[in-house]
């Protein structure tokens, strides 16, 4: 899977989100998703939404996935 494909899947599933995806080999990915839709959700539910967007790709086309999920406010507080 290409990072652009993953980015598109997540962005379509979580409207209004900002999605960044990196991969060095097309099987191990790091993704950062910033979305107002995460407001009030604990980290595990945020991750579940991202995994749901990827469907059956995790474990097949995606061997490993590192997820960072923030609300816009959390991201603004975190950014320098």
N, C-alpha and C. Protein backbone atom coordinates (compact mmCIF):
# COMPACT_ATOMS: atom_id res chain seq x y z
N UNK A 1 0.85 -1.18 0.00
CA UNK A 1 0.00 0.00 0.00
C UNK A 1 0.89 1.24 0.00
N UNK A 2 0.47 2.23 -0.76
CA UNK A 2 1.21 3.49 -0.81
C UNK A 2 0.67 4.43 0.29
N UNK A 3 1.55 5.26 0.85
CA UNK A 3 1.10 6.20 1.88
C UNK A 3 -0.08 7.07 1.41
N UNK A 4 -0.07 7.45 0.12
CA UNK A 4 -1.17 8.29 -0.39
C UNK A 4 -2.51 7.56 -0.33
N UNK A 5 -2.46 6.24 -0.57
CA UNK A 5 -3.70 5.44 -0.53
C UNK A 5 -4.25 5.38 0.89
N UNK A 6 -3.34 5.18 1.86
CA UNK A 6 -3.76 5.15 3.25
C UNK A 6 -4.31 6.51 3.67
N UNK A 7 -3.64 7.56 3.28
CA UNK A 7 -4.07 8.91 3.62
C UNK A 7 -5.48 9.16 3.09
N UNK A 8 -5.75 8.74 1.87
CA UNK A 8 -7.06 8.94 1.26
C UNK A 8 -8.15 8.17 2.02
N UNK A 9 -7.88 6.92 2.36
CA UNK A 9 -8.86 6.11 3.09
C UNK A 9 -9.24 6.75 4.43
N UNK A 10 -8.24 7.18 5.17
CA UNK A 10 -8.50 7.77 6.49
C UNK A 10 -9.21 9.12 6.34
N UNK A 11 -8.76 9.93 5.41
CA UNK A 11 -9.38 11.25 5.20
C UNK A 11 -10.85 11.12 4.79
N UNK A 12 -11.17 10.12 3.98
CA UNK A 12 -12.56 9.91 3.57
C UNK A 12 -13.42 9.42 4.73
N UNK A 13 -12.84 8.61 5.60
CA UNK A 13 -13.59 8.05 6.73
C UNK A 13 -13.77 9.04 7.87
N UNK A 14 -12.86 10.00 7.98
CA UNK A 14 -12.92 11.00 9.05
C UNK A 14 -12.92 12.38 8.38
N UNK A 15 -14.09 12.84 7.95
CA UNK A 15 -14.17 14.12 7.22
C UNK A 15 -13.59 15.28 8.03
N UNK A 16 -12.90 16.16 7.32
CA UNK A 16 -12.32 17.34 7.96
C UNK A 16 -11.00 17.06 8.65
N UNK A 17 -10.51 15.84 8.54
CA UNK A 17 -9.26 15.50 9.22
C UNK A 17 -8.05 15.91 8.40
N UNK A 18 -6.96 16.11 9.11
CA UNK A 18 -5.65 16.31 8.47
C UNK A 18 -4.88 15.02 8.71
N UNK A 19 -4.45 14.37 7.64
CA UNK A 19 -3.83 13.06 7.74
C UNK A 19 -2.44 13.10 7.11
N UNK A 20 -1.46 12.64 7.87
CA UNK A 20 -0.09 12.52 7.38
C UNK A 20 0.33 11.06 7.53
N UNK A 21 0.90 10.50 6.48
CA UNK A 21 1.33 9.10 6.50
C UNK A 21 2.74 9.01 5.96
N UNK A 22 3.57 8.24 6.64
CA UNK A 22 4.94 7.99 6.19
C UNK A 22 5.20 6.50 6.19
N UNK A 23 6.01 6.07 5.23
CA UNK A 23 6.42 4.67 5.16
C UNK A 23 7.76 4.59 4.44
N UNK A 24 8.65 3.75 4.95
CA UNK A 24 9.93 3.58 4.28
C UNK A 24 9.92 2.38 3.34
N UNK A 25 8.96 1.47 3.54
CA UNK A 25 8.97 0.24 2.75
C UNK A 25 7.60 -0.19 2.21
N UNK A 26 6.57 0.60 2.44
CA UNK A 26 5.25 0.24 1.94
C UNK A 26 4.52 -0.79 2.76
N UNK A 27 5.08 -1.22 3.90
CA UNK A 27 4.41 -2.19 4.78
C UNK A 27 4.40 -1.72 6.23
N UNK A 28 5.33 -0.87 6.60
CA UNK A 28 5.42 -0.31 7.95
C UNK A 28 5.10 1.18 7.85
N UNK A 29 4.08 1.62 8.60
CA UNK A 29 3.58 2.98 8.45
C UNK A 29 3.52 3.72 9.78
N UNK A 30 3.71 5.03 9.69
CA UNK A 30 3.46 5.94 10.80
C UNK A 30 2.42 6.93 10.30
N UNK A 31 1.36 7.12 11.07
CA UNK A 31 0.32 8.06 10.66
C UNK A 31 -0.01 9.01 11.79
N UNK A 32 -0.28 10.25 11.40
CA UNK A 32 -0.72 11.27 12.35
C UNK A 32 -2.04 11.81 11.80
N UNK A 33 -3.07 11.77 12.65
CA UNK A 33 -4.39 12.24 12.24
C UNK A 33 -4.85 13.31 13.22
N UNK A 34 -5.21 14.46 12.69
CA UNK A 34 -5.70 15.57 13.50
C UNK A 34 -7.13 15.82 13.07
N UNK A 35 -8.08 15.64 14.00
CA UNK A 35 -9.49 15.75 13.63
C UNK A 35 -10.35 16.21 14.79
N UNK A 36 -11.28 17.10 14.50
CA UNK A 36 -12.25 17.54 15.50
C UNK A 36 -13.14 16.37 15.92
N UNK A 37 -13.27 15.38 15.05
CA UNK A 37 -14.09 14.21 15.35
C UNK A 37 -13.57 13.43 16.56
N UNK A 38 -12.32 13.66 16.94
CA UNK A 38 -11.73 12.96 18.09
C UNK A 38 -12.08 13.62 19.42
N UNK A 39 -12.72 14.77 19.37
CA UNK A 39 -13.08 15.50 20.59
C UNK A 39 -13.88 14.60 21.52
N UNK A 40 -13.41 14.46 22.77
CA UNK A 40 -14.10 13.67 23.78
C UNK A 40 -13.86 12.17 23.70
N UNK A 41 -13.10 11.71 22.71
CA UNK A 41 -12.83 10.28 22.58
C UNK A 41 -11.50 9.92 23.24
N UNK A 42 -11.46 8.81 23.97
CA UNK A 42 -10.18 8.37 24.52
C UNK A 42 -9.29 7.84 23.39
N UNK A 43 -7.98 7.75 23.62
CA UNK A 43 -7.06 7.30 22.57
C UNK A 43 -7.46 5.99 21.90
N UNK A 44 -7.92 5.02 22.65
CA UNK A 44 -8.24 3.73 22.04
C UNK A 44 -9.38 3.86 21.03
N UNK A 45 -10.37 4.70 21.30
CA UNK A 45 -11.46 4.88 20.34
C UNK A 45 -11.00 5.66 19.11
N UNK A 46 -10.09 6.57 19.29
CA UNK A 46 -9.52 7.30 18.15
C UNK A 46 -8.79 6.32 17.23
N UNK A 47 -7.98 5.45 17.83
CA UNK A 47 -7.23 4.46 17.06
C UNK A 47 -8.18 3.51 16.35
N UNK A 48 -9.24 3.11 17.01
CA UNK A 48 -10.22 2.21 16.39
C UNK A 48 -10.84 2.84 15.15
N UNK A 49 -11.12 4.13 15.20
CA UNK A 49 -11.69 4.82 14.03
C UNK A 49 -10.71 4.79 12.86
N UNK A 50 -9.45 4.97 13.15
CA UNK A 50 -8.43 4.94 12.10
C UNK A 50 -8.29 3.53 11.54
N UNK A 51 -8.22 2.54 12.41
CA UNK A 51 -8.12 1.15 11.96
C UNK A 51 -9.35 0.75 11.15
N UNK A 52 -10.53 1.20 11.57
CA UNK A 52 -11.77 0.89 10.83
C UNK A 52 -11.71 1.49 9.42
N UNK A 53 -11.13 2.66 9.30
CA UNK A 53 -11.01 3.30 7.98
C UNK A 53 -10.15 2.47 7.03
N UNK A 54 -9.21 1.73 7.59
CA UNK A 54 -8.29 0.94 6.78
C UNK A 54 -8.82 -0.45 6.48
N UNK A 55 -9.95 -0.80 7.09
CA UNK A 55 -10.58 -2.08 6.81
C UNK A 55 -9.65 -3.25 7.03
N UNK A 56 -9.66 -4.18 6.12
CA UNK A 56 -8.87 -5.40 6.23
C UNK A 56 -7.42 -5.23 5.80
N UNK A 57 -6.97 -4.01 5.57
CA UNK A 57 -5.60 -3.78 5.12
C UNK A 57 -4.57 -4.03 6.22
N UNK A 58 -4.97 -3.80 7.48
CA UNK A 58 -4.05 -4.02 8.60
C UNK A 58 -3.86 -5.52 8.78
N UNK A 59 -2.62 -5.95 8.73
CA UNK A 59 -2.32 -7.36 8.85
C UNK A 59 -2.10 -8.01 7.49
N UNK A 60 -2.50 -7.33 6.42
CA UNK A 60 -2.26 -7.84 5.07
C UNK A 60 -1.32 -6.87 4.35
N UNK A 61 -1.86 -5.85 3.72
CA UNK A 61 -1.03 -4.85 3.02
C UNK A 61 -0.24 -4.00 4.01
N UNK A 62 -0.78 -3.83 5.21
CA UNK A 62 -0.12 -3.04 6.26
C UNK A 62 0.39 -4.01 7.32
N UNK A 63 1.70 -4.14 7.42
CA UNK A 63 2.27 -5.06 8.40
C UNK A 63 2.31 -4.44 9.79
N UNK A 64 2.68 -3.16 9.86
CA UNK A 64 2.78 -2.47 11.15
C UNK A 64 2.30 -1.03 10.99
N UNK A 65 1.61 -0.55 12.03
CA UNK A 65 1.05 0.80 11.97
C UNK A 65 1.23 1.49 13.32
N UNK A 66 1.88 2.64 13.29
CA UNK A 66 2.01 3.49 14.47
C UNK A 66 1.06 4.66 14.27
N UNK A 67 0.21 4.91 15.27
CA UNK A 67 -0.84 5.93 15.14
C UNK A 67 -0.66 7.02 16.19
N UNK A 68 -0.78 8.26 15.73
CA UNK A 68 -0.87 9.42 16.60
C UNK A 68 -2.17 10.12 16.22
N UNK A 69 -3.05 10.33 17.19
CA UNK A 69 -4.35 10.93 16.91
C UNK A 69 -4.60 12.08 17.87
N UNK A 70 -4.90 13.26 17.32
CA UNK A 70 -5.08 14.47 18.11
C UNK A 70 -6.32 15.23 17.68
N UNK A 71 -6.89 16.00 18.61
CA UNK A 71 -7.87 17.00 18.22
C UNK A 71 -7.07 18.21 17.75
N UNK A 72 -7.69 19.14 17.01
CA UNK A 72 -6.94 20.34 16.61
C UNK A 72 -6.38 21.12 17.80
N UNK A 73 -7.14 21.20 18.88
CA UNK A 73 -6.67 21.91 20.07
C UNK A 73 -5.45 21.22 20.68
N UNK A 74 -5.49 19.89 20.79
CA UNK A 74 -4.35 19.15 21.32
C UNK A 74 -3.11 19.36 20.44
N UNK A 75 -3.33 19.37 19.14
CA UNK A 75 -2.21 19.55 18.23
C UNK A 75 -1.60 20.94 18.37
N UNK A 76 -2.44 21.95 18.49
CA UNK A 76 -1.95 23.32 18.65
C UNK A 76 -1.14 23.48 19.93
N UNK A 77 -1.59 22.84 21.01
CA UNK A 77 -0.85 22.91 22.28
C UNK A 77 0.49 22.20 22.17
N UNK A 78 0.55 21.16 21.34
CA UNK A 78 1.74 20.34 21.21
C UNK A 78 2.77 20.97 20.28
N UNK A 79 2.31 21.63 19.23
CA UNK A 79 3.22 22.19 18.23
C UNK A 79 4.00 23.38 18.81
N UNK A 80 5.28 23.49 18.43
CA UNK A 80 6.10 24.60 18.94
C UNK A 80 5.69 25.94 18.37
